[in-house]
Amino acid sequence: MKLKAIATLGALALLLQACATPHVVQTKKITDNELTCSQIKNEIAEAEEFEKKARAERKVTGKNVAAAVFFWPALLGTYSNTEEAINAAKERQALLTDLYSKKNCQ
């Protein structure tokens, strides 16, 4: 009986992990205008990393296959969220690049 409970909990944990979605970045922050050129570069790199991670979540992975087999609505949610995360990261990058230019950073 104990083994069955452990197996059930393990399967549930796998399903919950498969439902994990990428982080949607905040496109604009109140403190953006106070950033130095170096900080803007770092923020751009961070937004690029968020976009990269969101794109990776969209690919066929073991987690996504498990989600599709056991709970397909979770897969739809993941794909919807990845699109939102990618768009937010791209918008953040564009905003920061514009700010970098306006501050005459080089």
Protein backbone atom coordinates (compact mmCIF):
# COMPACT_ATOMS: atom_id res chain seq x y z
CA MET A 1 0.00 0.00 0.00
CA LYS A 2 2.85 2.38 0.86
CA LEU A 3 4.51 1.76 -2.49
CA LYS A 4 1.30 2.59 -4.32
CA ALA A 5 0.98 5.89 -2.42
CA ILE A 6 4.58 6.80 -3.20
CA ALA A 7 4.07 5.99 -6.88
CA THR A 8 0.91 8.09 -6.96
CA LEU A 9 2.67 11.04 -5.31
CA GLY A 10 5.57 10.69 -7.74
CA ALA A 11 3.24 10.72 -10.73
CA LEU A 12 1.41 13.73 -9.33
CA ALA A 13 4.69 15.58 -8.80
CA LEU A 14 5.69 14.82 -12.39
CA LEU A 15 2.39 16.15 -13.68
CA LEU A 16 2.69 19.34 -11.66
CA GLN A 17 6.23 19.87 -12.90
CA ALA A 18 5.02 19.33 -16.47
CA CYS A 19 2.51 22.10 -15.92
CA ALA A 20 5.24 24.58 -14.98
CA THR A 21 5.22 27.55 -17.29
CA PRO A 22 7.88 30.13 -18.13
CA HIS A 23 8.06 33.39 -16.23
CA VAL A 24 6.42 36.37 -17.96
CA VAL A 25 8.69 39.37 -17.42
CA GLN A 26 7.43 42.80 -16.51
CA THR A 27 7.89 44.79 -19.72
CA LYS A 28 8.42 48.16 -18.06
CA LYS A 29 9.68 48.94 -14.58
CA ILE A 30 9.34 52.22 -12.71
CA THR A 31 13.09 52.37 -12.18
CA ASP A 32 14.07 51.82 -15.84
CA ASN A 33 14.92 55.49 -16.45
CA GLU A 34 17.35 55.44 -13.52
CA LEU A 35 19.41 52.57 -14.95
CA THR A 36 23.01 53.15 -16.01
CA CYS A 37 24.18 52.01 -19.44
CA SER A 38 25.81 48.96 -17.89
CA GLN A 39 22.64 48.08 -16.00
CA ILE A 40 20.59 48.45 -19.17
CA LYS A 41 22.91 45.96 -20.92
CA ASN A 42 22.42 43.52 -18.04
CA GLU A 43 18.64 43.94 -18.17
CA ILE A 44 18.65 43.31 -21.93
CA ALA A 45 20.69 40.13 -21.41
CA GLU A 46 18.26 39.00 -18.71
CA ALA A 47 15.26 39.60 -20.99
CA GLU A 48 17.01 37.64 -23.76
CA GLU A 49 17.52 34.75 -21.32
CA PHE A 50 13.83 34.81 -20.35
CA GLU A 51 12.90 34.65 -24.04
CA LYS A 52 15.32 31.77 -24.60
CA LYS A 53 13.87 29.81 -21.67
CA ALA A 54 10.31 30.42 -22.87
CA ARG A 55 11.20 29.16 -26.35
CA ALA A 56 12.76 26.04 -24.80
CA GLU A 57 9.51 25.32 -22.92
CA ARG A 58 7.69 25.31 -26.25
CA LYS A 59 9.81 22.48 -27.67
CA VAL A 60 8.87 18.83 -27.40
CA THR A 61 10.31 17.63 -24.10
CA GLY A 62 9.67 14.69 -21.82
CA LYS A 63 7.67 16.97 -19.54
CA ASN A 64 5.48 18.18 -22.40
CA VAL A 65 4.92 14.65 -23.68
CA ALA A 66 3.92 13.54 -20.18
CA ALA A 67 1.55 16.49 -19.94
CA ALA A 68 0.02 15.65 -23.30
CA VAL A 69 -0.49 12.01 -22.37
CA PHE A 70 -1.77 12.48 -18.83
CA PHE A 71 -3.33 15.93 -18.84
CA TRP A 72 -3.46 17.58 -22.28
CA PRO A 73 -5.09 20.87 -21.12
CA ALA A 74 -1.86 21.60 -19.22
CA LEU A 75 0.05 21.40 -22.49
CA LEU A 76 -2.29 23.96 -24.06
CA GLY A 77 -1.77 26.23 -21.07
CA THR A 78 2.00 25.91 -21.37
CA TYR A 79 1.96 26.83 -25.05
CA SER A 80 -0.30 29.81 -24.41
CA ASN A 81 1.93 31.00 -21.58
CA THR A 82 5.11 30.59 -23.63
CA GLU A 83 3.71 32.91 -26.28
CA GLU A 84 2.92 35.51 -23.63
CA ALA A 85 6.37 35.11 -22.06
CA ILE A 86 8.17 35.43 -25.42
CA ASN A 87 6.22 38.55 -26.38
CA ALA A 88 6.82 40.19 -23.00
CA ALA A 89 10.56 39.45 -23.17
CA LYS A 90 10.79 40.85 -26.71
CA GLU A 91 8.86 43.97 -25.69
CA ARG A 92 11.18 44.43 -22.70
CA GLN A 93 14.23 44.10 -24.95
CA ALA A 94 12.85 46.69 -27.38
CA LEU A 95 12.05 49.14 -24.58
CA LEU A 96 15.52 48.75 -23.05
CA THR A 97 17.25 49.05 -26.43
CA ASP A 98 15.37 52.30 -27.04
CA LEU A 99 16.36 53.56 -23.58
CA TYR A 100 19.98 52.57 -24.26
CA SER A 101 19.89 54.64 -27.45
CA LYS A 102 18.18 57.64 -25.81
CA LYS A 103 20.86 57.71 -23.11
CA ASN A 104 23.54 57.70 -25.82
CA CYS A 105 25.07 54.53 -24.42
CA GLN A 106 27.80 52.82 -26.40
